[in-house]
Amino acid sequence: MDTTRGFKVRALGEIAIRCADIEAMAAFYRDVIGLEPLTGGHGDGIVFFRIAEGFGGHTSVLALFRHDAGRPEIHPQATAPPQTGAKSSLHHIALSLPFAEQQAAMDWYDRIGQTYTIQNFGWIGWRGIFTTDPEGNTVELVAYDASLKDSD
């Protein structure tokens, strides 16, 4: 079998989440997580947040779609709100930040009463701070620190 594709994925451009309550979700990602909303170029029931510069001119974004919004010719639509939390096909999203900022994130969560848990991933040197958004999706703030990496 020929496995020469002629292309290589360089970055994640966008993650899009269908939402039952887009206002609560937008407030969470803006006010709790601190993502910057992008303006223009989207319709009713869709909110885009800038995550990072991205690759090749495509800003890395989180998109929130009201469950009945979007283009039906591209994406299936539903009249009922989506399954969320443990019943969702989305396991979690991980947003990267420097290890030096993780303490500030935990201090912020403590100040606003946002519950979280911490997990170290020694096999790769990551520490994740896990919380949930208003619809029960797990959101991780992940960082690398060489001191966390297991010795081989």
N, C-alpha and C. Protein backbone atom coordinates (compact mmCIF):
# COMPACT_ATOMS: atom_id res chain seq x y z
N MET A 1 0.85 -1.19 0.00
CA MET A 1 0.00 0.00 0.00
C MET A 1 0.89 1.24 0.00
N ASP A 2 0.61 2.17 -0.89
CA ASP A 2 1.35 3.42 -0.97
C ASP A 2 0.86 4.36 0.12
N THR A 3 1.76 4.78 1.02
CA THR A 3 1.38 5.68 2.12
C THR A 3 1.94 7.09 1.92
N THR A 4 2.45 7.38 0.71
CA THR A 4 2.95 8.72 0.42
C THR A 4 1.76 9.63 0.16
N ARG A 5 1.50 10.52 1.11
CA ARG A 5 0.32 11.38 1.03
C ARG A 5 0.58 12.66 0.25
N GLY A 6 1.79 13.18 0.35
CA GLY A 6 2.08 14.44 -0.31
C GLY A 6 1.69 15.67 0.52
N PHE A 7 1.26 15.45 1.75
CA PHE A 7 0.93 16.55 2.66
C PHE A 7 1.21 16.12 4.08
N LYS A 8 1.38 17.13 4.95
CA LYS A 8 1.60 16.87 6.37
C LYS A 8 0.86 17.93 7.16
N VAL A 9 0.00 17.52 8.07
CA VAL A 9 -0.73 18.46 8.93
C VAL A 9 0.28 19.15 9.84
N ARG A 10 0.16 20.48 9.96
CA ARG A 10 1.10 21.27 10.75
C ARG A 10 0.54 21.79 12.06
N ALA A 11 -0.76 21.91 12.18
CA ALA A 11 -1.35 22.49 13.39
C ALA A 11 -2.84 22.20 13.41
N LEU A 12 -3.43 22.36 14.57
CA LEU A 12 -4.88 22.30 14.71
C LEU A 12 -5.41 23.70 14.44
N GLY A 13 -6.23 23.85 13.43
CA GLY A 13 -6.75 25.17 13.07
C GLY A 13 -7.96 25.57 13.90
N GLU A 14 -8.82 24.62 14.18
CA GLU A 14 -10.07 24.97 14.85
C GLU A 14 -10.64 23.74 15.55
N ILE A 15 -11.24 23.98 16.67
CA ILE A 15 -12.07 22.98 17.33
C ILE A 15 -13.43 23.64 17.49
N ALA A 16 -14.49 22.96 17.11
CA ALA A 16 -15.84 23.53 17.17
C ALA A 16 -16.71 22.65 18.07
N ILE A 17 -17.43 23.31 18.96
CA ILE A 17 -18.29 22.60 19.91
C ILE A 17 -19.73 23.03 19.68
N ARG A 18 -20.63 22.07 19.51
CA ARG A 18 -22.06 22.37 19.48
C ARG A 18 -22.53 22.65 20.90
N CYS A 19 -23.34 23.67 21.05
CA CYS A 19 -23.74 24.11 22.39
C CYS A 19 -25.25 24.14 22.56
N ALA A 20 -25.70 23.75 23.73
CA ALA A 20 -27.10 23.91 24.11
C ALA A 20 -27.36 25.33 24.58
N ASP A 21 -26.41 25.92 25.31
CA ASP A 21 -26.53 27.28 25.83
C ASP A 21 -25.31 28.07 25.42
N ILE A 22 -25.37 28.64 24.23
CA ILE A 22 -24.20 29.32 23.67
C ILE A 22 -23.79 30.55 24.47
N GLU A 23 -24.75 31.23 25.10
CA GLU A 23 -24.41 32.41 25.90
C GLU A 23 -23.57 32.03 27.11
N ALA A 24 -23.96 30.98 27.82
CA ALA A 24 -23.20 30.53 28.99
C ALA A 24 -21.82 30.02 28.57
N MET A 25 -21.79 29.31 27.47
CA MET A 25 -20.51 28.78 26.99
C MET A 25 -19.57 29.91 26.56
N ALA A 26 -20.10 30.90 25.84
CA ALA A 26 -19.28 32.03 25.40
C ALA A 26 -18.75 32.79 26.61
N ALA A 27 -19.58 33.01 27.61
CA ALA A 27 -19.15 33.71 28.83
C ALA A 27 -18.03 32.93 29.52
N PHE A 28 -18.14 31.61 29.60
CA PHE A 28 -17.12 30.79 30.24
C PHE A 28 -15.78 30.93 29.53
N TYR A 29 -15.77 30.72 28.22
CA TYR A 29 -14.50 30.74 27.49
C TYR A 29 -13.90 32.15 27.44
N ARG A 30 -14.73 33.16 27.48
CA ARG A 30 -14.25 34.54 27.51
C ARG A 30 -13.82 34.94 28.92
N ASP A 31 -14.69 34.76 29.91
CA ASP A 31 -14.47 35.32 31.24
C ASP A 31 -13.68 34.41 32.17
N VAL A 32 -13.83 33.11 32.06
CA VAL A 32 -13.11 32.18 32.94
C VAL A 32 -11.78 31.78 32.33
N ILE A 33 -11.81 31.32 31.09
CA ILE A 33 -10.59 30.87 30.42
C ILE A 33 -9.78 32.04 29.87
N GLY A 34 -10.44 33.11 29.48
CA GLY A 34 -9.73 34.31 29.01
C GLY A 34 -9.45 34.36 27.53
N LEU A 35 -10.20 33.60 26.73
CA LEU A 35 -9.99 33.66 25.28
C LEU A 35 -10.58 34.93 24.71
N GLU A 36 -9.93 35.42 23.67
CA GLU A 36 -10.34 36.66 23.00
C GLU A 36 -11.38 36.36 21.90
N PRO A 37 -12.58 36.96 22.00
CA PRO A 37 -13.56 36.75 20.94
C PRO A 37 -13.10 37.40 19.63
N LEU A 38 -13.35 36.73 18.52
CA LEU A 38 -13.11 37.30 17.20
C LEU A 38 -14.42 37.86 16.68
N THR A 39 -14.35 38.94 15.97
CA THR A 39 -15.57 39.56 15.45
C THR A 39 -15.61 39.44 13.93
N GLY A 40 -16.82 39.47 13.40
CA GLY A 40 -17.03 39.45 11.96
C GLY A 40 -16.93 38.06 11.36
N GLY A 41 -17.55 37.89 10.21
CA GLY A 41 -17.40 36.67 9.44
C GLY A 41 -18.16 35.46 9.94
N HIS A 42 -19.07 35.64 10.87
CA HIS A 42 -19.86 34.50 11.33
C HIS A 42 -21.30 34.93 11.51
N GLY A 43 -22.17 33.96 11.53
CA GLY A 43 -23.59 34.25 11.60
C GLY A 43 -24.15 34.11 12.99
N ASP A 44 -25.43 34.26 13.06
CA ASP A 44 -26.15 34.13 14.31
C ASP A 44 -25.95 32.74 14.89
N GLY A 45 -25.64 32.67 16.17
CA GLY A 45 -25.48 31.39 16.83
C GLY A 45 -24.09 30.80 16.72
N ILE A 46 -23.11 31.60 16.30
CA ILE A 46 -21.73 31.13 16.17
C ILE A 46 -20.81 32.17 16.81
N VAL A 47 -19.90 31.71 17.66
CA VAL A 47 -18.92 32.59 18.29
C VAL A 47 -17.54 31.97 18.11
N PHE A 48 -16.57 32.78 17.66
CA PHE A 48 -15.20 32.33 17.50
C PHE A 48 -14.31 32.99 18.54
N PHE A 49 -13.36 32.21 19.09
CA PHE A 49 -12.37 32.72 20.03
C PHE A 49 -10.98 32.43 19.51
N ARG A 50 -10.12 33.42 19.59
CA ARG A 50 -8.72 33.26 19.19
C ARG A 50 -7.98 32.49 20.28
N ILE A 51 -7.26 31.45 19.86
CA ILE A 51 -6.42 30.71 20.78
C ILE A 51 -4.95 31.12 20.59
N ALA A 52 -4.49 31.09 19.34
CA ALA A 52 -3.08 31.39 19.07
C ALA A 52 -2.93 31.80 17.61
N GLU A 53 -1.71 32.17 17.26
CA GLU A 53 -1.42 32.60 15.89
C GLU A 53 -1.75 31.53 14.86
N GLY A 54 -1.52 30.29 15.20
CA GLY A 54 -1.84 29.22 14.27
C GLY A 54 -0.74 29.00 13.25
N PHE A 55 -1.11 28.53 12.08
CA PHE A 55 -0.15 28.17 11.04
C PHE A 55 -0.64 28.66 9.68
N GLY A 56 0.25 29.19 8.91
CA GLY A 56 -0.04 29.53 7.52
C GLY A 56 -1.15 30.55 7.34
N GLY A 57 -1.29 31.46 8.29
CA GLY A 57 -2.31 32.51 8.18
C GLY A 57 -3.66 32.14 8.77
N HIS A 58 -3.83 30.90 9.22
CA HIS A 58 -5.10 30.50 9.84
C HIS A 58 -4.94 30.56 11.35
N THR A 59 -5.60 31.51 11.97
CA THR A 59 -5.57 31.63 13.41
C THR A 59 -6.16 30.38 14.04
N SER A 60 -5.53 29.90 15.09
CA SER A 60 -6.04 28.75 15.83
C SER A 60 -7.22 29.23 16.67
N VAL A 61 -8.39 28.61 16.48
CA VAL A 61 -9.61 29.10 17.13
C VAL A 61 -10.42 28.00 17.81
N LEU A 62 -11.19 28.44 18.79
CA LEU A 62 -12.27 27.64 19.36
C LEU A 62 -13.55 28.26 18.83
N ALA A 63 -14.39 27.45 18.23
CA ALA A 63 -15.67 27.92 17.70
C ALA A 63 -16.79 27.28 18.50
N LEU A 64 -17.74 28.10 18.90
CA LEU A 64 -18.94 27.60 19.56
C LEU A 64 -20.11 27.78 18.61
N PHE A 65 -20.83 26.71 18.38
CA PHE A 65 -21.98 26.73 17.49
C PHE A 65 -23.23 26.39 18.29
N ARG A 66 -24.22 27.26 18.24
CA ARG A 66 -25.53 26.85 18.77
C ARG A 66 -25.92 25.60 18.00
N HIS A 67 -26.52 24.64 18.65
CA HIS A 67 -26.75 23.32 18.05
C HIS A 67 -27.47 23.35 16.71
N ASP A 68 -28.24 24.40 16.44
CA ASP A 68 -28.96 24.47 15.17
C ASP A 68 -28.35 25.47 14.19
N ALA A 69 -27.14 25.96 14.48
CA ALA A 69 -26.48 26.94 13.62
C ALA A 69 -25.46 26.26 12.72
N GLY A 70 -25.05 26.97 11.71
CA GLY A 70 -24.03 26.46 10.79
C GLY A 70 -24.60 26.21 9.42
N ARG A 71 -23.79 25.63 8.59
CA ARG A 71 -24.16 25.34 7.21
C ARG A 71 -24.57 23.88 7.07
N PRO A 72 -25.84 23.63 6.83
CA PRO A 72 -26.28 22.22 6.74
C PRO A 72 -25.63 21.45 5.59
N GLU A 73 -25.15 22.15 4.56
CA GLU A 73 -24.49 21.44 3.46
C GLU A 73 -23.10 20.94 3.84
N ILE A 74 -22.54 21.47 4.96
CA ILE A 74 -21.21 21.05 5.42
C ILE A 74 -21.31 20.22 6.70
N HIS A 75 -22.17 20.64 7.62
CA HIS A 75 -22.26 20.00 8.93
C HIS A 75 -23.69 19.55 9.21
N PRO A 76 -23.87 18.35 9.71
CA PRO A 76 -25.21 17.92 10.11
C PRO A 76 -25.73 18.85 11.21
N GLN A 77 -27.02 19.12 11.18
CA GLN A 77 -27.63 19.96 12.20
C GLN A 77 -28.67 19.17 12.96
N ALA A 78 -29.01 19.67 14.15
CA ALA A 78 -29.99 18.99 14.98
C ALA A 78 -30.99 20.00 15.51
N THR A 79 -32.19 19.54 15.75
CA THR A 79 -33.18 20.41 16.37
C THR A 79 -33.10 20.33 17.88
N ALA A 80 -32.57 19.23 18.41
CA ALA A 80 -32.44 19.06 19.86
C ALA A 80 -31.03 19.45 20.30
N PRO A 81 -30.88 19.91 21.52
CA PRO A 81 -29.55 20.22 22.04
C PRO A 81 -28.66 18.98 22.03
N PRO A 82 -27.34 19.17 21.93
CA PRO A 82 -26.42 18.03 21.86
C PRO A 82 -26.24 17.33 23.20
N GLN A 83 -25.76 16.09 23.14
CA GLN A 83 -25.33 15.38 24.34
C GLN A 83 -24.06 16.06 24.83
N THR A 84 -23.96 16.31 26.11
CA THR A 84 -22.78 16.97 26.64
C THR A 84 -22.22 16.17 27.81
N GLY A 85 -21.08 16.61 28.30
CA GLY A 85 -20.45 15.93 29.43
C GLY A 85 -20.03 14.53 29.04
N ALA A 86 -20.26 13.57 29.92
CA ALA A 86 -19.80 12.20 29.72
C ALA A 86 -20.46 11.51 28.52
N LYS A 87 -21.62 12.01 28.06
CA LYS A 87 -22.30 11.39 26.93
C LYS A 87 -21.86 11.99 25.59
N SER A 88 -21.02 13.00 25.63
CA SER A 88 -20.54 13.65 24.42
C SER A 88 -19.44 12.82 23.77
N SER A 89 -19.29 12.96 22.46
CA SER A 89 -18.16 12.31 21.78
C SER A 89 -16.86 13.10 22.00
N LEU A 90 -16.97 14.32 22.51
CA LEU A 90 -15.80 15.12 22.85
C LEU A 90 -15.28 14.67 24.21
N HIS A 91 -14.06 14.15 24.26
CA HIS A 91 -13.49 13.71 25.54
C HIS A 91 -13.05 14.92 26.35
N HIS A 92 -12.20 15.77 25.78
CA HIS A 92 -11.80 17.02 26.42
C HIS A 92 -11.07 17.88 25.41
N ILE A 93 -10.91 19.14 25.76
CA ILE A 93 -10.04 20.00 24.97
C ILE A 93 -8.91 20.45 25.88
N ALA A 94 -7.72 20.55 25.32
CA ALA A 94 -6.54 20.98 26.07
C ALA A 94 -6.00 22.25 25.43
N LEU A 95 -5.84 23.26 26.25
CA LEU A 95 -5.29 24.53 25.82
C LEU A 95 -3.93 24.69 26.49
N SER A 96 -2.92 25.04 25.70
CA SER A 96 -1.55 25.12 26.21
C SER A 96 -1.24 26.50 26.76
N LEU A 97 -0.43 26.51 27.81
CA LEU A 97 0.09 27.74 28.38
C LEU A 97 1.44 27.41 28.99
N PRO A 98 2.25 28.43 29.29
CA PRO A 98 3.54 28.14 29.92
C PRO A 98 3.35 27.58 31.32
N PHE A 99 4.26 26.69 31.71
CA PHE A 99 4.21 26.09 33.03
C PHE A 99 4.21 27.18 34.11
N ALA A 100 4.97 28.24 33.89
CA ALA A 100 5.08 29.33 34.87
C ALA A 100 3.75 30.04 35.12
N GLU A 101 2.78 29.87 34.22
CA GLU A 101 1.47 30.52 34.39
C GLU A 101 0.42 29.60 34.99
N GLN A 102 0.76 28.34 35.19
CA GLN A 102 -0.25 27.43 35.74
C GLN A 102 -0.66 27.81 37.16
N GLN A 103 0.26 28.28 37.97
CA GLN A 103 -0.12 28.68 39.33
C GLN A 103 -1.10 29.85 39.29
N ALA A 104 -0.87 30.79 38.39
CA ALA A 104 -1.81 31.91 38.24
C ALA A 104 -3.19 31.41 37.83
N ALA A 105 -3.24 30.39 36.97
CA ALA A 105 -4.52 29.81 36.56
C ALA A 105 -5.23 29.19 37.75
N MET A 106 -4.50 28.45 38.57
CA MET A 106 -5.11 27.84 39.76
C MET A 106 -5.56 28.91 40.75
N ASP A 107 -4.75 29.96 40.93
CA ASP A 107 -5.15 31.06 41.81
C ASP A 107 -6.41 31.73 41.30
N TRP A 108 -6.52 31.92 39.99
CA TRP A 108 -7.71 32.51 39.37
C TRP A 108 -8.93 31.64 39.62
N TYR A 109 -8.80 30.35 39.35
CA TYR A 109 -9.91 29.42 39.60
C TYR A 109 -10.34 29.48 41.07
N ASP A 110 -9.37 29.51 41.98
CA ASP A 110 -9.71 29.59 43.41
C ASP A 110 -10.49 30.87 43.72
N ARG A 111 -10.06 32.00 43.16
CA ARG A 111 -10.73 33.28 43.42
C ARG A 111 -12.17 33.30 42.92
N ILE A 112 -12.41 32.67 41.79
CA ILE A 112 -13.77 32.73 41.22
C ILE A 112 -14.62 31.51 41.58
N GLY A 113 -14.06 30.58 42.33
CA GLY A 113 -14.82 29.40 42.75
C GLY A 113 -14.97 28.34 41.66
N GLN A 114 -14.05 28.31 40.71
CA GLN A 114 -14.08 27.32 39.63
C GLN A 114 -13.35 26.06 40.11
N THR A 115 -14.04 24.95 40.20
CA THR A 115 -13.40 23.72 40.67
C THR A 115 -12.44 23.18 39.60
N TYR A 116 -11.41 22.51 40.06
CA TYR A 116 -10.42 21.94 39.15
C TYR A 116 -9.68 20.80 39.83
N THR A 117 -9.04 19.99 39.01
CA THR A 117 -8.15 18.94 39.49
C THR A 117 -6.85 19.05 38.69
N ILE A 118 -5.80 18.49 39.27
CA ILE A 118 -4.48 18.54 38.64
C ILE A 118 -4.01 17.11 38.39
N GLN A 119 -3.38 16.90 37.24
CA GLN A 119 -2.80 15.60 36.96
C GLN A 119 -1.46 15.81 36.26
N ASN A 120 -0.45 15.08 36.74
CA ASN A 120 0.86 15.07 36.09
C ASN A 120 0.95 13.89 35.15
N PHE A 121 1.56 14.12 33.99
CA PHE A 121 1.78 13.08 32.99
C PHE A 121 3.29 12.92 32.81
N GLY A 122 3.90 12.16 33.75
CA GLY A 122 5.35 12.04 33.78
C GLY A 122 5.96 11.46 32.53
N TRP A 123 5.23 10.58 31.84
CA TRP A 123 5.78 9.96 30.64
C TRP A 123 6.13 10.98 29.56
N ILE A 124 5.49 12.18 29.64
CA ILE A 124 5.74 13.19 28.61
C ILE A 124 6.12 14.55 29.19
N GLY A 125 6.04 14.69 30.52
CA GLY A 125 6.44 15.94 31.16
C GLY A 125 5.38 17.02 31.16
N TRP A 126 4.13 16.63 31.14
CA TRP A 126 3.02 17.60 31.14
C TRP A 126 2.33 17.62 32.50
N ARG A 127 1.77 18.78 32.83
CA ARG A 127 0.84 18.88 33.96
C ARG A 127 -0.43 19.51 33.41
N GLY A 128 -1.55 18.90 33.73
CA GLY A 128 -2.85 19.40 33.30
C GLY A 128 -3.67 19.90 34.47
N ILE A 129 -4.32 21.02 34.27
CA ILE A 129 -5.29 21.55 35.23
C ILE A 129 -6.65 21.39 34.56
N PHE A 130 -7.50 20.53 35.13
CA PHE A 130 -8.76 20.16 34.50
C PHE A 130 -9.94 20.83 35.21
N THR A 131 -10.85 21.37 34.42
CA THR A 131 -12.10 21.92 34.92
C THR A 131 -13.19 21.55 33.93
N THR A 132 -14.40 22.00 34.15
CA THR A 132 -15.49 21.75 33.20
C THR A 132 -16.15 23.06 32.81
N ASP A 133 -16.62 23.09 31.56
CA ASP A 133 -17.36 24.26 31.09
C ASP A 133 -18.83 24.10 31.50
N PRO A 134 -19.68 25.09 31.21
CA PRO A 134 -21.07 25.02 31.68
C PRO A 134 -21.87 23.83 31.16
N GLU A 135 -21.41 23.20 30.08
CA GLU A 135 -22.14 22.05 29.55
C GLU A 135 -21.50 20.72 29.91
N GLY A 136 -20.52 20.76 30.81
CA GLY A 136 -19.92 19.54 31.30
C GLY A 136 -18.75 19.02 30.49
N ASN A 137 -18.28 19.78 29.51
CA ASN A 137 -17.09 19.38 28.75
C ASN A 137 -15.85 19.64 29.59
N THR A 138 -14.92 18.71 29.56
CA THR A 138 -13.67 18.87 30.30
C THR A 138 -12.73 19.77 29.52
N VAL A 139 -12.18 20.77 30.23
CA VAL A 139 -11.24 21.73 29.65
C VAL A 139 -9.95 21.63 30.45
N GLU A 140 -8.86 21.39 29.75
CA GLU A 140 -7.55 21.24 30.37
C GLU A 140 -6.66 22.42 30.00
N LEU A 141 -5.97 22.97 30.98
CA LEU A 141 -4.89 23.92 30.75
C LEU A 141 -3.61 23.13 30.97
N VAL A 142 -2.88 22.88 29.90
CA VAL A 142 -1.74 21.96 29.95
C VAL A 142 -0.44 22.70 29.69
N ALA A 143 0.61 22.25 30.37
CA ALA A 143 1.93 22.85 30.20
C ALA A 143 3.00 21.78 30.32
N TYR A 144 4.10 22.03 29.66
CA TYR A 144 5.26 21.15 29.73
C TYR A 144 6.26 21.71 30.73
N ASP A 145 6.86 20.82 31.51
CA ASP A 145 7.97 21.19 32.36
C ASP A 145 8.90 19.99 32.42
N ALA A 146 10.15 20.21 32.06
CA ALA A 146 11.12 19.11 31.99
C ALA A 146 11.27 18.39 33.33
N SER A 147 11.07 19.11 34.43
CA SER A 147 11.22 18.47 35.74
C SER A 147 10.12 17.44 36.03
N LEU A 148 9.04 17.50 35.28
CA LEU A 148 7.96 16.53 35.46
C LEU A 148 8.18 15.23 34.70
N LYS A 149 9.10 15.27 33.73
CA LYS A 149 9.30 14.11 32.86
C LYS A 149 10.02 13.00 33.60
N ASP A 150 9.44 11.79 33.48
CA ASP A 150 10.07 10.61 34.06
C ASP A 150 11.42 10.39 33.40
N SER A 151 12.40 9.94 34.17
CA SER A 151 13.69 9.61 33.57
C SER A 151 13.58 8.25 32.88
N ASP A 152 14.21 8.19 31.76
CA ASP A 152 14.14 6.93 30.95
C ASP A 152 15.17 5.93 31.38
